[in-house]
């Protein structure tokens, strides 16, 4: 007998299978920050492993580059192709990595919603691509040379998966005071319509917001073309040495003396004036373009790995018209909804499809970006109709029944269901009254919602909308803030969030259980092998099979079991090079042999 993956309870002869993410992928590419990247050219190039920053490898289609791992083994990276799915805003690159007795092929996103992926020992982040504008010219940086080497098609940041890309993350801090990642009134990472590359990224802030020193260094100020620039330099040299820069300070004040040495986190400048005020964060004198975008994400994730326990990956559905009174998942969404509603990637509801998305950080969720066809690229800025509604879902695994706390904030309306039971329903009046010049568009931790989690998997579904507020030819951002942890808003390490599924199936017979599953096709995923755990308890403390390496297969039969005994099973897609062998996600199931 074969059992479906989404049954509500564990009972004898039944299988529950849902995926849960157990580690963040912490890798990035930044060029020109206190070091000059190696620019590669030629048909076959060679780079030694970098102990601090990844190598910059830009390739034409069909071109290869070799890279020596810390172990001494060599990998050859080849750009097979790249596809512009949406001009200037959604791009994928297909690469091949050969070496170590194997050859692997993988397709990864470029910039915007791209994430670093380990493939055959190489950590790859695709940061830029070649694309002609309407006049047939390759785009170049508005504030300096476009970082992609002339004549190349896709640029990569490359490092050894066995090493940490930034071994001293404690040296850095997120440089925007009291502003969570994605909390700003707007963000900008995209290419402008005329083909200019938008270097680094813009963070919307309100008057009085202070910019902080990202690391220890010397502070310098410049006023040019109607805006202020503040830089933090490794050396006492204002103009020639690389450093971090924050610009677009159109009306502000410096807070330390010119050339003063400061420690990380020191307030350097405060912005004042009417909206849309913002900071533009990058590096100087070289343009890092999308490198700063992902570096900021990784700093945030490192600093807030315990105090902002929000799911990073989501299943999202939408947008729909009709606002909070629309009923898409159920006939009546004012109260409880059926507990049998189990969102799954690819399932169609209301004419739209649940899709897997990565918010990139454990922080405020920028819902308007996640429901976009090209997240974080500006593709659908101001395109969603006013009062649109959307759904976000995650699964929460608890090894035993427990009560967690949801610290909740939203930019307008919100409804939340846990296992079908309504736990929150409200409209935040802050949306109508906040001052966009001086206040944040949402209040983080405004509401406290108890979550009574059952043992095993729990389904959390969130419904929000973007309201109808506009100002300065912009729309108020569509945001929500979902910390799921203890009463103080801190991480509960026993809880696991999941949105991924490999359609694990089980067929029990006497003393065996036959397993089968599918290779995942989620963005940002590459699997080297699968690992198996089998236990007689949900907490996996009484292990019968411990971390068994199954190889890159999609079926396996567990033998030697005791008839009539309930077993808990984890099949774990695994990358054996990523950050020293980290697990991407896991499936937990209960089956009686």
Protein backbone atom coordinates (compact mmCIF):
# COMPACT_ATOMS: atom_id res chain seq x y z
CA UNK A 1 0.00 0.00 0.00
CA UNK A 2 1.39 3.43 -0.98
CA UNK A 3 0.53 6.49 1.09
CA UNK A 4 0.23 10.12 0.05
CA UNK A 5 2.66 12.67 1.49
CA UNK A 6 0.16 15.04 3.09
CA UNK A 7 -2.00 13.17 5.58
CA UNK A 8 -3.04 15.09 8.70
CA UNK A 9 -1.98 12.62 11.39
CA UNK A 10 0.51 9.82 12.00
CA UNK A 11 -1.29 6.54 12.57
CA UNK A 12 -0.19 2.95 11.98
CA UNK A 13 0.27 2.16 8.29
CA UNK A 14 0.27 5.83 7.31
CA UNK A 15 2.98 8.13 6.04
CA UNK A 16 3.40 11.85 6.49
CA UNK A 17 6.05 13.54 4.41
CA UNK A 18 6.84 17.19 4.35
CA UNK A 19 10.15 18.85 3.81
CA UNK A 20 11.92 21.06 6.29
CA UNK A 21 14.90 23.31 5.80
CA UNK A 22 17.58 22.81 8.41
CA UNK A 23 20.34 25.19 7.37
CA UNK A 24 20.76 28.50 5.64
CA UNK A 25 22.89 28.72 2.54
CA UNK A 26 25.45 31.32 3.60
CA UNK A 27 27.49 32.22 0.57
CA UNK A 28 27.95 35.38 -1.47
CA UNK A 29 30.06 37.31 -3.91
CA UNK A 30 31.44 40.82 -3.42
CA UNK A 31 34.18 42.41 -5.46
CA UNK A 32 36.27 45.44 -4.69
CA UNK A 33 35.83 45.53 -0.92
CA UNK A 34 39.23 45.86 0.75
CA UNK A 35 40.60 43.58 -1.96
CA UNK A 36 40.77 43.68 -5.74
CA UNK A 37 39.08 40.71 -7.42
CA UNK A 38 40.86 38.65 -10.02
CA UNK A 39 39.34 39.27 -13.45
CA UNK A 40 39.74 36.28 -15.70
CA UNK A 41 40.09 36.15 -19.46
CA UNK A 42 40.92 33.65 -22.18
CA UNK A 43 39.46 30.29 -23.05
CA UNK A 44 40.92 28.50 -20.02
CA UNK A 45 41.95 30.38 -16.90
CA UNK A 46 43.22 29.30 -13.50
CA UNK A 47 42.54 30.76 -10.05
CA UNK A 48 43.76 29.72 -6.63
CA UNK A 49 41.27 29.36 -3.79
CA UNK A 50 40.71 32.61 -1.89
CA UNK A 51 40.69 32.51 1.88
CA UNK A 52 38.56 35.65 2.18
CA UNK A 53 36.72 36.68 -0.98
CA UNK A 54 35.56 34.53 -3.90
CA UNK A 55 37.23 34.77 -7.28
CA UNK A 56 35.49 36.79 -9.98
CA UNK A 57 35.11 34.54 -13.03
CA UNK A 58 33.33 36.00 -16.07
CA UNK A 59 32.66 33.65 -19.00
CA UNK A 60 31.33 33.60 -22.53
CA UNK A 61 28.97 30.81 -23.52
CA UNK A 62 31.14 27.76 -24.19
CA UNK A 63 34.11 29.18 -22.27
CA UNK A 64 35.68 27.38 -19.30
CA UNK A 65 37.74 28.32 -16.26
CA UNK A 66 39.62 26.07 -13.84
CA UNK A 67 39.66 26.55 -10.09
CA UNK A 68 41.82 24.76 -7.52
CA UNK A 69 40.07 23.65 -4.36
CA UNK A 70 41.74 23.76 -0.98
CA UNK A 71 42.23 19.99 -1.21
CA UNK A 72 44.36 20.46 -4.34
CA UNK A 73 41.71 18.99 -6.62
CA UNK A 74 40.79 21.04 -9.69
CA UNK A 75 37.31 21.90 -10.95
CA UNK A 76 36.52 23.19 -14.43
CA UNK A 77 33.55 25.55 -14.69
CA UNK A 78 31.89 25.90 -18.10
CA UNK A 79 29.06 28.25 -19.04
CA UNK A 80 26.80 26.12 -21.23
CA UNK A 81 24.12 28.75 -21.86
CA UNK A 82 22.09 31.53 -20.34
CA UNK A 83 18.46 32.47 -20.88
CA UNK A 84 16.86 35.91 -20.55
CA UNK A 85 13.37 34.95 -19.38
CA UNK A 86 12.21 38.53 -18.75
CA UNK A 87 14.40 41.27 -20.26
CA UNK A 88 16.59 42.96 -17.62
CA UNK A 89 14.81 41.21 -14.77
CA UNK A 90 14.80 37.40 -14.84
CA UNK A 91 17.79 35.43 -16.08
CA UNK A 92 19.04 31.86 -15.66
CA UNK A 93 22.45 30.39 -16.45
CA UNK A 94 23.26 26.72 -17.04
CA UNK A 95 26.73 25.62 -15.99
CA UNK A 96 28.81 22.47 -15.94
CA UNK A 97 31.34 21.67 -13.22
CA UNK A 98 33.78 18.85 -13.98
CA UNK A 99 36.40 17.29 -11.74
CA UNK A 100 36.87 14.82 -8.93
CA UNK A 101 35.73 11.97 -11.16
CA UNK A 102 32.32 13.44 -12.00
CA UNK A 103 30.60 16.08 -14.10
CA UNK A 104 27.53 17.94 -12.83
CA UNK A 105 25.20 20.32 -14.65
CA UNK A 106 23.00 22.87 -12.92
CA UNK A 107 20.80 25.86 -13.81
CA UNK A 108 20.89 28.80 -11.42
CA UNK A 109 19.31 32.23 -11.27
CA UNK A 110 21.38 35.32 -12.00
CA UNK A 111 21.37 38.21 -9.45
CA UNK A 112 18.06 39.56 -8.06
CA UNK A 113 16.54 36.40 -6.50
CA UNK A 114 19.64 34.30 -7.18
CA UNK A 115 21.24 32.36 -4.33
CA UNK A 116 24.69 30.75 -4.04
CA UNK A 117 24.67 27.05 -4.91
CA UNK A 118 27.39 24.42 -4.35
CA UNK A 119 27.92 22.23 -7.41
CA UNK A 120 30.63 19.55 -7.34
CA UNK A 121 32.67 21.42 -4.75
CA UNK A 122 32.31 24.92 -6.23
CA UNK A 123 30.13 27.56 -4.61
CA UNK A 124 28.65 29.62 -7.44
CA UNK A 125 26.81 32.92 -7.36
CA UNK A 126 25.87 34.40 -10.74
CA UNK A 127 25.96 38.16 -10.26
CA UNK A 128 25.63 39.74 -13.72
CA UNK A 129 24.88 39.00 -17.37
CA UNK A 130 25.19 40.59 -20.79
CA UNK A 131 22.05 42.03 -22.32
CA UNK A 132 21.66 44.57 -25.11
CA UNK A 133 19.42 47.60 -24.59
CA UNK A 134 16.95 48.89 -27.18
CA UNK A 135 19.83 50.41 -29.17
CA UNK A 136 21.81 47.18 -29.26
CA UNK A 137 24.44 48.29 -26.75
CA UNK A 138 25.53 46.25 -23.77
CA UNK A 139 24.46 47.94 -20.52
CA UNK A 140 27.17 49.69 -18.55
CA UNK A 141 27.16 50.98 -15.01
CA UNK A 142 25.70 54.41 -14.44
CA UNK A 143 28.19 55.00 -11.63
CA UNK A 144 31.23 53.30 -13.10
CA UNK A 145 32.03 50.37 -15.32
CA UNK A 146 29.50 47.56 -15.34
CA UNK A 147 31.22 44.82 -13.32
CA UNK A 148 30.83 42.20 -16.06
CA UNK A 149 34.02 41.98 -18.11
CA UNK A 150 33.56 43.27 -21.65
CA UNK A 151 32.81 40.49 -24.11
CA UNK A 152 31.64 38.04 -21.45
CA UNK A 153 28.09 36.72 -21.03
CA UNK A 154 27.69 35.84 -17.33
CA UNK A 155 29.76 36.76 -14.28
CA UNK A 156 30.23 34.42 -11.31
CA UNK A 157 31.58 34.68 -7.81
CA UNK A 158 33.34 31.35 -7.21
CA UNK A 159 34.76 29.82 -4.05
CA UNK A 160 35.56 26.49 -2.44
CA UNK A 161 32.54 24.99 -0.68
CA UNK A 162 34.86 23.46 1.91
CA UNK A 163 35.85 26.93 3.14
CA UNK A 164 33.81 29.73 4.60
CA UNK A 165 33.57 32.56 2.14
CA UNK A 166 33.75 35.21 4.86
CA UNK A 167 35.54 33.71 7.86
CA UNK A 168 35.25 36.90 9.92
CA UNK A 169 31.60 37.85 9.59
CA UNK A 170 31.75 39.30 13.10
CA UNK A 171 33.85 42.11 11.58
CA UNK A 172 30.77 43.50 9.81
CA UNK A 173 27.36 44.84 10.76
CA UNK A 174 24.21 45.64 8.82
CA UNK A 175 24.61 49.40 8.23
CA UNK A 176 21.04 50.69 8.68
CA UNK A 177 20.05 51.46 12.25
CA UNK A 178 16.70 50.14 13.53
CA UNK A 179 15.66 49.04 10.06
CA UNK A 180 15.07 45.35 9.42
CA UNK A 181 15.99 43.89 6.05
CA UNK A 182 13.04 44.44 3.64
CA UNK A 183 11.39 46.89 6.07
CA UNK A 184 12.18 50.02 4.04
CA UNK A 185 9.48 51.96 2.22
CA UNK A 186 11.03 50.73 -1.02
CA UNK A 187 14.05 48.91 -2.41
CA UNK A 188 15.75 49.05 -5.79
CA UNK A 189 18.13 46.48 -7.26
CA UNK A 190 17.12 46.45 -10.90
CA UNK A 191 18.39 47.56 -14.30
CA UNK A 192 16.82 50.78 -15.50
CA UNK A 193 14.75 50.60 -18.72
CA UNK A 194 17.43 52.40 -20.75
CA UNK A 195 19.89 49.61 -20.01
CA UNK A 196 21.91 51.24 -17.23
CA UNK A 197 22.99 48.89 -14.48
CA UNK A 198 21.78 50.04 -11.08
CA UNK A 199 24.93 49.65 -9.01
CA UNK A 200 24.51 48.18 -5.51
CA UNK A 201 21.00 48.64 -4.10
CA UNK A 202 18.77 51.31 -2.60
CA UNK A 203 17.11 51.03 0.80
CA UNK A 204 14.11 53.24 1.55
CA UNK A 205 14.47 55.00 4.92
CA UNK A 206 12.64 57.67 6.87
CA UNK A 207 13.90 60.97 8.16
CA UNK A 208 16.33 60.63 11.06
CA UNK A 209 17.44 57.11 10.10
CA UNK A 210 21.17 56.71 10.71
CA UNK A 211 23.74 54.95 8.53
CA UNK A 212 26.30 52.91 10.47
CA UNK A 213 29.90 51.94 9.81
CA UNK A 214 29.74 48.47 8.28
CA UNK A 215 33.20 47.65 9.63
CA UNK A 216 36.15 49.27 11.38
CA UNK A 217 37.79 51.97 9.29
CA UNK A 218 38.23 55.65 8.49
CA UNK A 219 35.15 57.79 7.77
CA UNK A 220 35.05 60.29 4.91
CA UNK A 221 32.36 62.59 3.53
CA UNK A 222 31.73 64.05 0.08
CA UNK A 223 29.02 66.32 -1.33
CA UNK A 224 28.55 65.95 -5.07
CA UNK A 225 25.71 66.57 -7.54
CA UNK A 226 23.20 67.44 -4.84
CA UNK A 227 23.74 64.46 -2.57
CA UNK A 228 25.99 63.33 0.23
CA UNK A 229 28.39 60.39 0.21
CA UNK A 230 29.82 58.71 3.29
CA UNK A 231 32.55 56.10 2.97
CA UNK A 232 34.35 53.81 5.38
CA UNK A 233 37.92 53.00 4.30
CA UNK A 234 40.38 50.37 5.41
CA UNK A 235 43.24 52.87 5.14
CA UNK A 236 43.49 56.58 5.86
CA UNK A 237 43.15 57.46 2.18
CA UNK A 238 39.97 59.17 1.00
CA UNK A 239 40.16 58.66 -2.75
CA UNK A 240 42.20 55.68 -3.94
CA UNK A 241 41.70 52.73 -1.59
CA UNK A 242 38.62 50.49 -1.79
CA UNK A 243 35.89 50.89 0.79
CA UNK A 244 32.19 50.79 1.52
CA UNK A 245 30.05 53.72 0.41
CA UNK A 246 26.54 54.94 1.23
CA UNK A 247 25.16 57.61 -1.09
CA UNK A 248 21.90 59.41 -1.99
CA UNK A 249 21.97 61.32 1.30
CA UNK A 250 20.13 64.26 -0.24
CA UNK A 251 19.61 66.18 2.98
CA UNK A 252 21.53 64.94 5.99
CA UNK A 253 24.39 65.46 8.37
CA UNK A 254 27.69 63.76 9.15
CA UNK A 255 28.08 62.50 12.70
CA UNK A 256 31.86 61.99 13.05
CA UNK A 257 34.91 63.98 12.00
CA UNK A 258 36.42 63.66 8.53
CA UNK A 259 39.10 60.95 8.52
CA UNK A 260 38.20 59.73 12.01
CA UNK A 261 38.80 56.05 12.77
CA UNK A 262 35.58 54.38 13.92
CA UNK A 263 34.45 50.93 15.00
CA UNK A 264 31.75 48.97 13.23
CA UNK A 265 28.26 50.11 14.15
CA UNK A 266 29.30 53.72 14.77
CA UNK A 267 26.61 56.12 13.43
CA UNK A 268 28.14 58.00 10.47
CA UNK A 269 25.28 60.01 8.98
CA UNK A 270 21.57 60.71 9.35
CA UNK A 271 19.20 61.39 6.49
CA UNK A 272 16.63 64.19 6.68
CA UNK A 273 14.03 65.63 4.37
CA UNK A 274 10.89 64.52 2.59
CA UNK A 275 10.36 61.07 1.09
CA UNK A 276 11.32 59.17 -0.87
CA UNK A 277 14.51 59.33 1.23
CA UNK A 278 16.86 56.41 0.79
CA UNK A 279 20.40 55.14 1.11
CA UNK A 280 22.33 53.65 -1.78
CA UNK A 281 24.80 51.06 -0.51
CA UNK A 282 27.77 49.85 -2.53
CA UNK A 283 31.55 49.90 -2.64
CA UNK A 284 34.10 52.30 -4.06
CA UNK A 285 36.00 52.87 -6.31
CA UNK A 286 34.71 49.70 -8.00
CA UNK A 287 31.03 49.08 -8.64
CA UNK A 288 29.93 45.83 -7.00
CA UNK A 289 26.47 45.98 -8.54
CA UNK A 290 24.50 43.01 -7.21
CA UNK A 291 27.35 41.86 -4.96
CA UNK A 292 26.36 44.33 -2.25
CA UNK A 293 22.76 43.12 -2.49
CA UNK A 294 23.67 39.59 -1.47
CA UNK A 295 26.40 40.66 0.97
CA UNK A 296 23.80 42.65 2.88
CA UNK A 297 21.56 39.60 3.06
CA UNK A 298 24.33 37.47 4.50
CA UNK A 299 25.33 40.05 7.10
CA UNK A 300 21.70 40.27 8.21
CA UNK A 301 21.30 36.49 8.38
CA UNK A 302 24.52 36.14 10.37
CA UNK A 303 23.64 38.83 12.90
CA UNK A 304 20.00 37.81 13.33
CA UNK A 305 20.12 34.02 13.20
CA UNK A 306 18.51 33.79 16.66
CA UNK A 307 16.59 37.02 17.29
CA UNK A 308 14.48 37.14 14.10
CA UNK A 309 13.14 33.57 13.74
CA UNK A 310 11.08 34.12 10.60
CA UNK A 311 10.85 31.49 7.85
CA UNK A 312 13.01 32.38 4.87
CA UNK A 313 11.34 30.22 2.20
CA UNK A 314 7.61 30.37 1.51
CA UNK A 315 4.91 28.99 -0.72
CA UNK A 316 2.95 31.94 -2.11
CA UNK A 317 -0.28 32.29 -4.07
CA UNK A 318 -1.56 35.44 -5.75
CA UNK A 319 -2.12 38.25 -6.25
CA UNK A 320 -5.93 38.28 -6.39
CA UNK A 321 -8.37 41.16 -6.53
CA UNK A 322 -11.09 41.74 -3.97
CA UNK A 323 -9.06 42.50 -0.86
CA UNK A 324 -9.42 40.72 2.47
CA UNK A 325 -13.08 39.86 1.82
CA UNK A 326 -12.17 37.61 -1.11
CA UNK A 327 -12.43 33.85 -0.54
CA UNK A 328 -9.87 31.94 -2.58
CA UNK A 329 -8.86 28.98 -0.40
CA UNK A 330 -12.26 28.36 1.17
CA UNK A 331 -15.87 29.45 0.79
CA UNK A 332 -15.64 31.50 3.99
CA UNK A 333 -12.28 32.79 5.23
CA UNK A 334 -13.63 34.96 8.05
CA UNK A 335 -13.19 32.13 10.55
CA UNK A 336 -11.68 28.65 10.44
CA UNK A 337 -10.86 26.97 7.15
CA UNK A 338 -10.61 23.21 6.46
CA UNK A 339 -7.47 21.66 7.97
CA UNK A 340 -7.22 19.59 4.79
CA UNK A 341 -5.95 22.68 2.90
CA UNK A 342 -2.27 21.80 2.45
CA UNK A 343 -0.46 24.18 0.06
CA UNK A 344 1.94 22.48 -2.29
CA UNK A 345 4.25 23.80 -5.00
CA UNK A 346 2.57 23.57 -8.40
CA UNK A 347 -0.99 23.18 -7.09
CA UNK A 348 -3.52 25.48 -8.79
CA UNK A 349 -6.07 27.41 -6.72
CA UNK A 350 -8.30 30.19 -7.99
CA UNK A 351 -6.60 30.15 -11.38
CA UNK A 352 -3.13 30.76 -9.90
CA UNK A 353 -0.37 28.39 -8.83
CA UNK A 354 1.35 27.98 -5.48
CA UNK A 355 5.04 28.72 -6.08
CA UNK A 356 8.16 28.31 -3.99
CA UNK A 357 9.98 31.58 -3.27
CA UNK A 358 12.99 32.63 -1.25
CA UNK A 359 12.69 35.82 0.81
CA UNK A 360 16.53 35.69 0.93
CA UNK A 361 16.62 36.65 4.62
CA UNK A 362 15.02 35.64 7.91
CA UNK A 363 13.33 38.99 8.30
CA UNK A 364 10.35 41.04 7.20
CA UNK A 365 8.61 39.39 4.24
CA UNK A 366 8.28 41.60 1.18
CA UNK A 367 5.10 39.98 -0.11
CA UNK A 368 4.72 42.26 -3.12
CA UNK A 369 8.06 40.97 -4.41
CA UNK A 370 7.39 37.31 -3.66
CA UNK A 371 4.19 37.18 -5.71
CA UNK A 372 5.96 38.92 -8.60
CA UNK A 373 7.00 36.99 -11.71
CA UNK A 374 10.58 38.20 -11.11
CA UNK A 375 11.14 38.84 -7.38
CA UNK A 376 13.39 41.70 -6.24
CA UNK A 377 13.98 42.93 -9.80
CA UNK A 378 11.42 45.73 -9.87
CA UNK A 379 9.46 43.85 -12.52
CA UNK A 380 6.08 44.46 -10.96
CA UNK A 381 6.70 47.62 -8.98
CA UNK A 382 3.34 49.43 -8.84
CA UNK A 383 1.75 46.81 -11.11
CA UNK A 384 -0.31 44.86 -8.60
CA UNK A 385 -3.76 46.46 -8.41
CA UNK A 386 -4.52 48.35 -5.23
CA UNK A 387 -6.15 46.20 -2.56
CA UNK A 388 -4.65 42.99 -3.99
CA UNK A 389 -4.56 39.96 -1.70
CA UNK A 390 -2.13 37.06 -1.49
CA UNK A 391 -1.36 33.97 0.60
CA UNK A 392 1.90 32.73 2.09
CA UNK A 393 2.33 29.30 3.68
CA UNK A 394 4.95 27.33 5.56
CA UNK A 395 5.03 24.07 7.50
CA UNK A 396 6.34 23.96 11.07
CA UNK A 397 7.73 20.75 12.53
CA UNK A 398 7.61 20.29 16.32
CA UNK A 399 9.09 17.08 17.82
CA UNK A 400 6.50 17.29 20.60
CA UNK A 401 3.34 19.30 21.24
CA UNK A 402 4.31 22.79 22.38
CA UNK A 403 3.16 26.40 22.43
CA UNK A 404 5.22 28.83 20.38
CA UNK A 405 4.71 32.57 20.01
CA UNK A 406 4.13 34.47 16.78
CA UNK A 407 5.40 38.04 17.03
CA UNK A 408 3.39 39.59 14.22
CA UNK A 409 3.36 42.82 12.27
CA UNK A 410 1.72 43.74 8.95
CA UNK A 411 1.45 46.71 6.66
CA UNK A 412 -2.36 46.49 6.38
CA UNK A 413 -4.76 43.54 6.70
CA UNK A 414 -3.92 40.04 7.89
CA UNK A 415 -5.50 36.67 8.64
CA UNK A 416 -3.60 33.66 9.95
CA UNK A 417 -4.62 30.01 10.22
CA UNK A 418 -2.78 27.24 12.07
CA UNK A 419 -3.91 23.77 11.00
CA UNK A 420 -7.10 25.41 9.72
CA UNK A 421 -7.90 27.24 12.97
CA UNK A 422 -8.07 31.04 12.80
CA UNK A 423 -5.51 32.54 15.20
CA UNK A 424 -5.49 36.14 13.93
CA UNK A 425 -7.87 38.36 11.95
CA UNK A 426 -7.43 42.10 11.81
CA UNK A 427 -6.67 45.37 10.05
CA UNK A 428 -3.79 47.54 11.26
CA UNK A 429 -4.80 51.21 11.42
CA UNK A 430 -1.10 52.11 11.36
CA UNK A 431 -1.30 51.73 7.58
CA UNK A 432 -3.63 54.70 7.28
CA UNK A 433 -1.91 56.97 9.78
CA UNK A 434 1.86 56.46 9.58
CA UNK A 435 4.00 59.32 8.28
CA UNK A 436 6.03 57.97 5.37
CA UNK A 437 8.65 60.69 5.93
CA UNK A 438 9.39 59.79 9.55
CA UNK A 439 7.97 56.33 10.30
CA UNK A 440 8.26 52.72 9.19
CA UNK A 441 5.43 51.26 7.05
CA UNK A 442 4.80 48.50 9.62
CA UNK A 443 5.32 47.92 13.34
CA UNK A 444 7.41 44.81 13.96
CA UNK A 445 6.25 42.69 16.94
CA UNK A 446 3.05 44.73 17.32
CA UNK A 447 0.87 41.66 17.94
CA UNK A 448 1.53 38.56 20.06
CA UNK A 449 -0.24 35.42 18.84
CA UNK A 450 0.09 32.05 20.67
CA UNK A 451 0.57 29.05 18.38
CA UNK A 452 -0.47 25.68 19.82
CA UNK A 453 1.68 23.32 17.78
CA UNK A 454 0.84 19.64 17.58
CA UNK A 455 3.55 16.99 17.50
CA UNK A 456 4.83 16.63 13.95
CA UNK A 457 3.93 18.91 11.08
CA UNK A 458 1.75 22.00 11.40
CA UNK A 459 0.33 24.07 8.53
CA UNK A 460 0.59 27.87 8.82
CA UNK A 461 -1.22 29.96 6.19
CA UNK A 462 -1.08 33.77 6.13
CA UNK A 463 -3.36 36.04 4.10
CA UNK A 464 -2.43 39.71 3.63
CA UNK A 465 -3.18 42.54 1.23
CA UNK A 466 -1.47 45.67 -0.03
CA UNK A 467 -4.21 48.19 0.76
CA UNK A 468 -4.85 51.27 -1.33
CA UNK A 469 -2.42 53.89 -0.07
CA UNK A 470 -0.26 55.87 -2.51
CA UNK A 471 2.22 58.70 -1.99
CA UNK A 472 4.91 60.38 -4.08
CA UNK A 473 3.80 58.32 -7.10
CA UNK A 474 4.58 55.17 -5.10
CA UNK A 475 2.52 52.60 -3.25
CA UNK A 476 2.93 51.73 0.37
CA UNK A 477 4.90 48.46 0.48
CA UNK A 478 3.18 45.10 0.98
CA UNK A 479 4.93 43.66 4.04
CA UNK A 480 4.48 41.38 7.01
CA UNK A 481 6.76 40.36 9.88
CA UNK A 482 6.40 36.77 11.22
CA UNK A 483 8.75 35.88 14.09
CA UNK A 484 7.94 32.34 15.28
CA UNK A 485 9.79 31.49 18.48
CA UNK A 486 9.54 31.95 22.22
CA UNK A 487 7.66 34.67 24.10
CA UNK A 488 10.63 37.02 23.76
CA UNK A 489 10.81 36.58 19.99
CA UNK A 490 13.91 34.38 20.11
CA UNK A 491 14.50 31.24 18.07
CA UNK A 492 13.19 27.90 19.33
CA UNK A 493 15.86 25.51 17.99
CA UNK A 494 13.56 22.48 18.02
CA UNK A 495 11.18 24.06 15.48
CA UNK A 496 11.86 23.61 11.78
CA UNK A 497 10.23 25.52 8.92
CA UNK A 498 9.66 23.86 5.55
CA UNK A 499 8.15 24.60 2.16
CA UNK A 500 9.86 21.95 0.03
CA UNK A 501 8.63 18.51 -0.93
CA UNK A 502 10.21 15.58 -2.80
CA UNK A 503 6.95 13.60 -2.89
CA UNK A 504 8.24 10.88 -0.62
CA UNK A 505 6.17 7.67 -0.82
CA UNK A 506 6.35 4.59 1.42
CA UNK A 507 5.10 1.03 1.02
CA UNK A 508 5.34 -1.05 4.24
CA UNK A 509 5.39 -4.86 4.12
CA UNK A 510 6.15 -7.18 7.04
CA UNK A 511 9.67 -6.16 8.12
CA UNK A 512 10.49 -3.75 5.27
CA UNK A 513 9.45 -0.29 4.09
CA UNK A 514 10.04 0.63 0.43
CA UNK A 515 10.69 4.34 -0.14
CA UNK A 516 10.59 6.38 -3.34
CA UNK A 517 10.87 10.11 -4.02
CA UNK A 518 11.59 12.68 -6.72
CA UNK A 519 14.67 14.78 -7.31
CA UNK A 520 13.82 18.34 -6.23
CA UNK A 521 13.62 21.09 -8.82
CA UNK A 522 13.56 24.02 -6.42
CA UNK A 523 15.49 27.15 -7.25
CA UNK A 524 18.82 27.25 -5.41
CA UNK A 525 19.00 23.48 -4.91
CA UNK A 526 21.68 21.01 -5.94
CA UNK A 527 21.75 17.50 -4.45
CA UNK A 528 24.90 15.38 -4.21
CA UNK A 529 23.32 12.48 -2.34
CA UNK A 530 20.48 11.50 -0.02
CA UNK A 531 20.82 10.59 3.66
CA UNK A 532 18.46 8.39 5.67
CA UNK A 533 17.55 8.42 9.36
CA UNK A 534 15.09 5.94 10.90
CA UNK A 535 13.95 6.22 14.52
CA UNK A 536 11.23 4.94 16.81
CA UNK A 537 10.46 8.44 18.17
CA UNK A 538 9.52 11.77 16.58
CA UNK A 539 12.52 13.51 18.10
CA UNK A 540 14.92 11.05 16.40
CA UNK A 541 16.75 10.25 19.63
CA UNK A 542 16.15 6.47 19.33
CA UNK A 543 17.81 5.91 15.97
CA UNK A 544 17.61 2.59 14.15
CA UNK A 545 19.40 3.93 11.05
CA UNK A 546 21.69 6.91 11.49
CA UNK A 547 22.77 9.16 8.62
CA UNK A 548 23.00 6.37 6.04
CA UNK A 549 24.37 7.61 2.70
CA UNK A 550 22.04 6.35 -0.04
CA UNK A 551 23.80 7.91 -3.02
CA UNK A 552 22.06 9.96 -5.69
CA UNK A 553 19.07 7.62 -6.01
CA UNK A 554 15.31 8.09 -5.84
CA UNK A 555 14.30 4.83 -4.16
CA UNK A 556 15.46 2.65 -1.28
CA UNK A 557 14.09 -0.26 0.78
CA UNK A 558 14.62 -0.32 4.55
CA UNK A 559 15.01 -3.91 5.77
CA UNK A 560 15.31 -5.72 9.09
CA UNK A 561 12.47 -3.87 10.82
CA UNK A 562 10.12 -5.20 13.49
CA UNK A 563 6.56 -5.84 12.34
CA UNK A 564 3.94 -3.69 14.06
CA UNK A 565 6.46 -1.04 15.15
CA UNK A 566 5.97 2.61 14.17
CA UNK A 567 9.05 4.17 12.59
CA UNK A 568 9.89 7.80 11.91
CA UNK A 569 11.83 8.36 8.71
CA UNK A 570 13.90 11.25 7.37
CA UNK A 571 15.12 11.29 3.80
CA UNK A 572 17.48 14.22 3.48
CA UNK A 573 18.57 15.74 0.18
CA UNK A 574 22.19 16.56 0.91
CA UNK A 575 25.03 18.58 -0.54
CA UNK A 576 28.29 17.08 0.66
CA UNK A 577 30.39 20.15 -0.12
CA UNK A 578 28.17 23.05 0.89
CA UNK A 579 29.61 24.61 4.06
CA UNK A 580 31.34 21.39 5.05
CA UNK A 581 28.42 19.05 4.46
CA UNK A 582 25.29 20.91 5.50
CA UNK A 583 21.84 19.45 5.03
CA UNK A 584 19.50 21.42 2.80
CA UNK A 585 16.22 20.04 4.14
CA UNK A 586 14.63 16.95 5.59
CA UNK A 587 11.45 14.91 5.45
CA UNK A 588 9.98 13.36 8.56
CA UNK A 589 7.48 10.52 8.35
CA UNK A 590 5.86 7.86 10.50
CA UNK A 591 5.30 4.37 9.12
CA UNK A 592 4.41 1.04 10.71
CA UNK A 593 6.18 -2.00 9.30
